Protein backbone atom coordinates (compact mmCIF):
# COMPACT_ATOMS: atom_id res chain seq x y z
CA MET A 1 22.66 -19.73 -26.62
CA SER A 2 21.12 -19.35 -23.20
CA ALA A 3 19.47 -21.75 -20.89
CA PRO A 4 15.76 -22.09 -20.50
CA VAL A 5 14.22 -20.54 -17.51
CA SER A 6 13.83 -22.34 -14.07
CA ALA A 7 14.41 -20.05 -11.40
CA VAL A 8 13.11 -16.81 -10.16
CA VAL A 9 15.43 -13.73 -9.15
CA PHE A 10 13.66 -11.17 -6.88
CA ASP A 11 13.97 -7.49 -6.22
CA VAL A 12 12.87 -7.11 -2.89
CA GLY A 13 11.47 -3.48 -3.03
CA ASN A 14 8.74 -2.29 -4.39
CA VAL A 15 8.09 -5.67 -5.87
CA LEU A 16 7.77 -7.87 -2.77
CA TYR A 17 7.23 -5.21 -0.10
CA GLY A 18 6.45 -1.93 -0.53
CA TRP A 19 8.77 0.94 0.52
CA ASP A 20 8.48 4.61 0.21
CA ILE A 21 10.29 7.40 2.89
CA ARG A 22 7.11 9.15 2.92
CA ASN A 23 5.35 6.40 4.97
CA LEU A 24 7.52 7.22 7.86
CA TYR A 25 7.75 10.99 8.04
CA ALA A 26 3.65 11.40 6.97
CA LYS A 27 3.62 10.34 10.58
CA LEU A 28 6.05 13.02 12.17
CA ILE A 29 5.43 15.85 9.86
CA SER A 30 1.86 16.78 9.82
CA ASP A 31 2.28 19.83 7.59
CA PRO A 32 2.14 18.62 3.60
CA ARG A 33 3.99 21.28 2.35
CA ARG A 34 6.92 20.89 4.85
CA LEU A 35 6.70 17.10 4.49
CA ASP A 36 7.25 17.57 0.59
CA TRP A 37 10.24 20.09 1.80
CA PHE A 38 11.68 17.89 3.75
CA LEU A 39 11.58 14.73 1.21
CA THR A 40 12.90 16.82 -1.30
CA HIS A 41 15.67 18.34 0.54
CA VAL A 42 16.46 16.97 3.52
CA VAL A 43 15.73 12.80 3.82
CA THR A 44 15.65 12.18 0.19
CA PRO A 45 16.00 8.67 -1.68
CA GLU A 46 19.28 9.80 -3.29
CA TRP A 47 20.39 10.32 0.30
CA HIS A 48 18.90 6.63 1.32
CA PHE A 49 20.59 5.08 -1.50
CA GLN A 50 24.26 5.79 -0.03
CA HIS A 51 23.16 2.97 2.42
CA ASP A 52 22.63 0.87 -0.37
CA ARG A 53 26.23 1.38 -1.31
CA GLY A 54 27.94 0.19 1.19
CA ARG A 55 27.74 3.66 3.58
CA PRO A 56 27.08 3.01 7.48
CA HIS A 57 24.74 5.24 8.61
CA ALA A 58 26.23 6.76 11.33
CA GLU A 59 28.21 8.84 8.96
CA THR A 60 25.59 9.72 6.38
CA THR A 61 23.42 10.82 9.49
CA ALA A 62 26.37 12.89 11.17
CA GLU A 63 26.79 14.42 7.56
CA LEU A 64 23.14 15.19 6.87
CA THR A 65 22.44 16.88 10.39
CA ALA A 66 25.38 18.93 10.60
CA GLN A 67 23.98 20.33 6.80
CA TYR A 68 20.68 20.50 8.02
CA PRO A 69 20.78 20.65 12.13
CA ALA A 70 17.23 22.81 12.61
CA GLU A 71 16.04 18.59 10.94
CA ALA A 72 18.44 16.47 13.54
CA ASP A 73 15.68 15.39 15.65
CA LEU A 74 13.38 14.26 11.91
CA ILE A 75 17.02 13.28 10.88
CA ALA A 76 17.72 11.39 14.16
CA ALA A 77 14.37 9.03 13.63
CA TYR A 78 15.22 7.49 10.33
CA VAL A 79 17.52 4.57 11.60
CA PRO A 80 15.81 3.55 14.75
CA ARG A 81 12.32 4.39 12.76
CA TRP A 82 13.70 2.82 9.64
CA LEU A 83 10.96 -0.01 9.19
CA GLU A 84 8.32 1.93 8.95
CA THR A 85 9.31 3.29 5.63
CA ILE A 86 8.16 -0.72 4.94
CA SER A 87 4.15 -0.17 3.51
CA GLY A 88 4.08 -4.44 3.90
CA PRO A 89 3.70 -7.12 1.31
CA MET A 90 2.57 -5.94 -2.39
CA PRO A 91 -0.77 -6.89 -3.40
CA GLY A 92 -0.48 -11.33 -3.92
CA MET A 93 3.25 -11.68 -4.22
CA LEU A 94 3.85 -13.33 -1.11
CA ASP A 95 1.02 -16.26 -2.34
CA LEU A 96 3.33 -16.04 -5.56
CA VAL A 97 6.41 -16.36 -3.66
CA ALA A 98 5.02 -19.33 -1.62
CA GLU A 99 3.23 -20.82 -4.89
CA LEU A 100 6.46 -21.32 -6.54
CA ALA A 101 8.31 -22.43 -3.75
CA ASP A 102 5.84 -25.30 -3.37
CA ALA A 103 6.55 -25.94 -7.15
CA GLY A 104 10.03 -26.60 -6.06
CA VAL A 105 10.95 -23.39 -8.10
CA PRO A 106 14.42 -22.08 -7.20
CA LEU A 107 14.48 -18.91 -5.56
CA PHE A 108 17.02 -15.79 -5.24
CA GLY A 109 17.02 -12.42 -5.10
CA ILE A 110 19.18 -9.54 -5.96
CA THR A 111 18.29 -6.36 -4.05
CA ASN A 112 19.81 -2.63 -3.37
CA PHE A 113 19.57 -2.43 0.09
CA SER A 114 21.54 -1.35 3.36
CA ALA A 115 23.35 -4.21 5.12
CA GLU A 116 22.58 -2.46 8.12
CA PHE A 117 18.73 -1.96 7.13
CA TRP A 118 18.79 -5.55 5.42
CA ALA A 119 19.43 -7.15 9.40
CA MET A 120 16.26 -5.16 10.66
CA PHE A 121 14.15 -5.96 8.02
CA ARG A 122 15.25 -9.81 7.56
CA PRO A 123 13.90 -11.20 10.34
CA THR A 124 10.27 -9.79 9.53
CA ALA A 125 9.93 -11.49 6.42
CA PRO A 126 9.68 -14.93 6.88
CA ILE A 127 9.11 -14.97 3.14
CA PHE A 128 12.78 -15.19 2.79
CA ASP A 129 13.35 -18.75 4.31
CA HIS A 130 12.04 -19.92 0.54
CA PHE A 131 15.27 -18.22 -0.89
CA GLU A 132 18.17 -19.84 -1.77
CA ASP A 133 20.17 -17.01 -1.63
CA ILE A 134 20.00 -13.23 -1.96
CA VAL A 135 22.49 -11.05 -2.82
CA VAL A 136 22.23 -7.51 -1.02
CA SER A 137 24.56 -4.38 -2.47
CA GLY A 138 25.20 -2.88 0.89
CA THR A 139 27.08 -5.87 1.80
CA GLU A 140 28.69 -6.82 -1.58
CA GLN A 141 29.53 -2.91 -2.25
CA LEU A 142 28.18 -3.15 -5.78
CA PHE A 143 24.81 -1.99 -6.47
CA LYS A 144 21.91 -2.03 -9.69
CA PRO A 145 22.27 -1.64 -12.20
CA GLU A 146 26.10 -2.01 -12.09
CA ALA A 147 26.84 -4.94 -14.25
CA ALA A 148 29.05 -6.46 -11.29
CA ILE A 149 26.14 -7.31 -9.26
CA TYR A 150 24.83 -9.27 -11.63
CA GLN A 151 27.52 -11.17 -12.38
CA LEU A 152 28.37 -11.68 -8.93
CA ALA A 153 24.74 -13.55 -8.65
CA LEU A 154 25.10 -15.56 -11.67
CA LYS A 155 28.15 -17.05 -10.33
CA ARG A 156 26.75 -17.00 -6.69
CA PHE A 157 23.06 -18.40 -7.56
CA ASN A 158 25.25 -21.36 -9.88
CA LEU A 159 22.82 -20.50 -12.50
CA ALA A 160 23.25 -20.72 -16.12
CA PRO A 161 22.92 -17.56 -18.09
CA GLY A 162 19.21 -17.17 -19.55
CA ALA A 163 18.48 -19.57 -16.59
CA GLY A 164 16.85 -17.03 -14.08
CA LEU A 165 13.87 -14.61 -14.40
CA PHE A 166 14.72 -11.38 -12.94
CA ILE A 167 11.82 -9.61 -11.56
CA ASP A 168 12.44 -5.60 -11.10
CA ASP A 169 10.48 -2.60 -11.17
CA ARG A 170 12.96 -0.08 -12.33
CA PRO A 171 13.43 -0.91 -16.42
CA GLU A 172 17.43 0.07 -15.97
CA ASN A 173 17.90 -2.56 -13.61
CA ILE A 174 16.01 -5.04 -16.20
CA ARG A 175 18.44 -3.45 -19.14
CA ALA A 176 21.03 -4.37 -17.28
CA GLY A 177 20.34 -7.72 -16.18
CA ALA A 178 19.58 -8.63 -19.24
CA ALA A 179 23.14 -8.00 -20.64
CA ASN A 180 24.48 -9.91 -18.12
CA GLY A 181 23.14 -13.50 -18.11
CA PHE A 182 19.06 -12.71 -16.85
CA PRO A 183 16.22 -12.36 -18.72
CA GLY A 184 14.42 -9.65 -16.99
CA HIS A 185 10.36 -8.87 -16.37
CA HIS A 186 9.66 -5.64 -15.72
CA PHE A 187 7.22 -5.38 -12.42
CA THR A 188 4.08 -3.95 -12.98
CA GLY A 189 1.62 -5.91 -10.67
CA ALA A 190 1.13 -10.03 -9.78
CA ALA A 191 -1.30 -10.51 -12.01
CA ARG A 192 0.75 -9.67 -14.87
CA LEU A 193 3.64 -11.39 -13.46
CA ARG A 194 1.78 -14.77 -12.81
CA GLN A 195 0.73 -14.39 -16.37
CA ARG A 196 4.84 -14.58 -17.41
CA LEU A 197 5.80 -17.34 -14.95
CA ALA A 198 3.09 -19.63 -16.28
CA ALA A 199 4.36 -18.50 -20.43
CA GLU A 200 7.82 -19.57 -18.84
CA GLY A 201 6.33 -23.40 -17.42
CA LEU A 202 6.90 -22.28 -13.47
CA LEU A 203 3.10 -22.16 -12.26
CA PRO A 204 0.01 -23.82 -14.42
């Protein structure tokens, strides 16, 4: 039998903070068709997700530059300007986190995030001071929706199966979390999440 929900476990990208590679490269490539080509073929989400699995960006950048030498300058901009891929907090979410913290609800995170980029990003986001622990995929070299990252989180957070409500924007991650001890909420916005948190008795 599952424990009642008593804690909240957040994804980060596109749940707490907006993230899109286009946010950076729209500043660097003025032609819309060339921008679309670059984001489809060169600096793609699939290329970026290697970092979330733990690959160092020096390796991946060198490989990509060898594959697309004509794009070397644009590829070289990715790491030093990576914070520009973050569009800012998702509407209403930082207030919601602060309310949960004020209510004494334990807060945790499970995020697919490069360890190197997390080191850049974390100091810009004091909202995470409210979190007791965050499992970062690139640090652990585990990746949602693989079962092992949820199993590690359950143990590290010292939560009984069912106690941590897992908030993520990707249905496959929600399904995997539910199969590994984390009842889920598919994130589509702060208003709907607030309703769920109230239904769980975590907010008024």
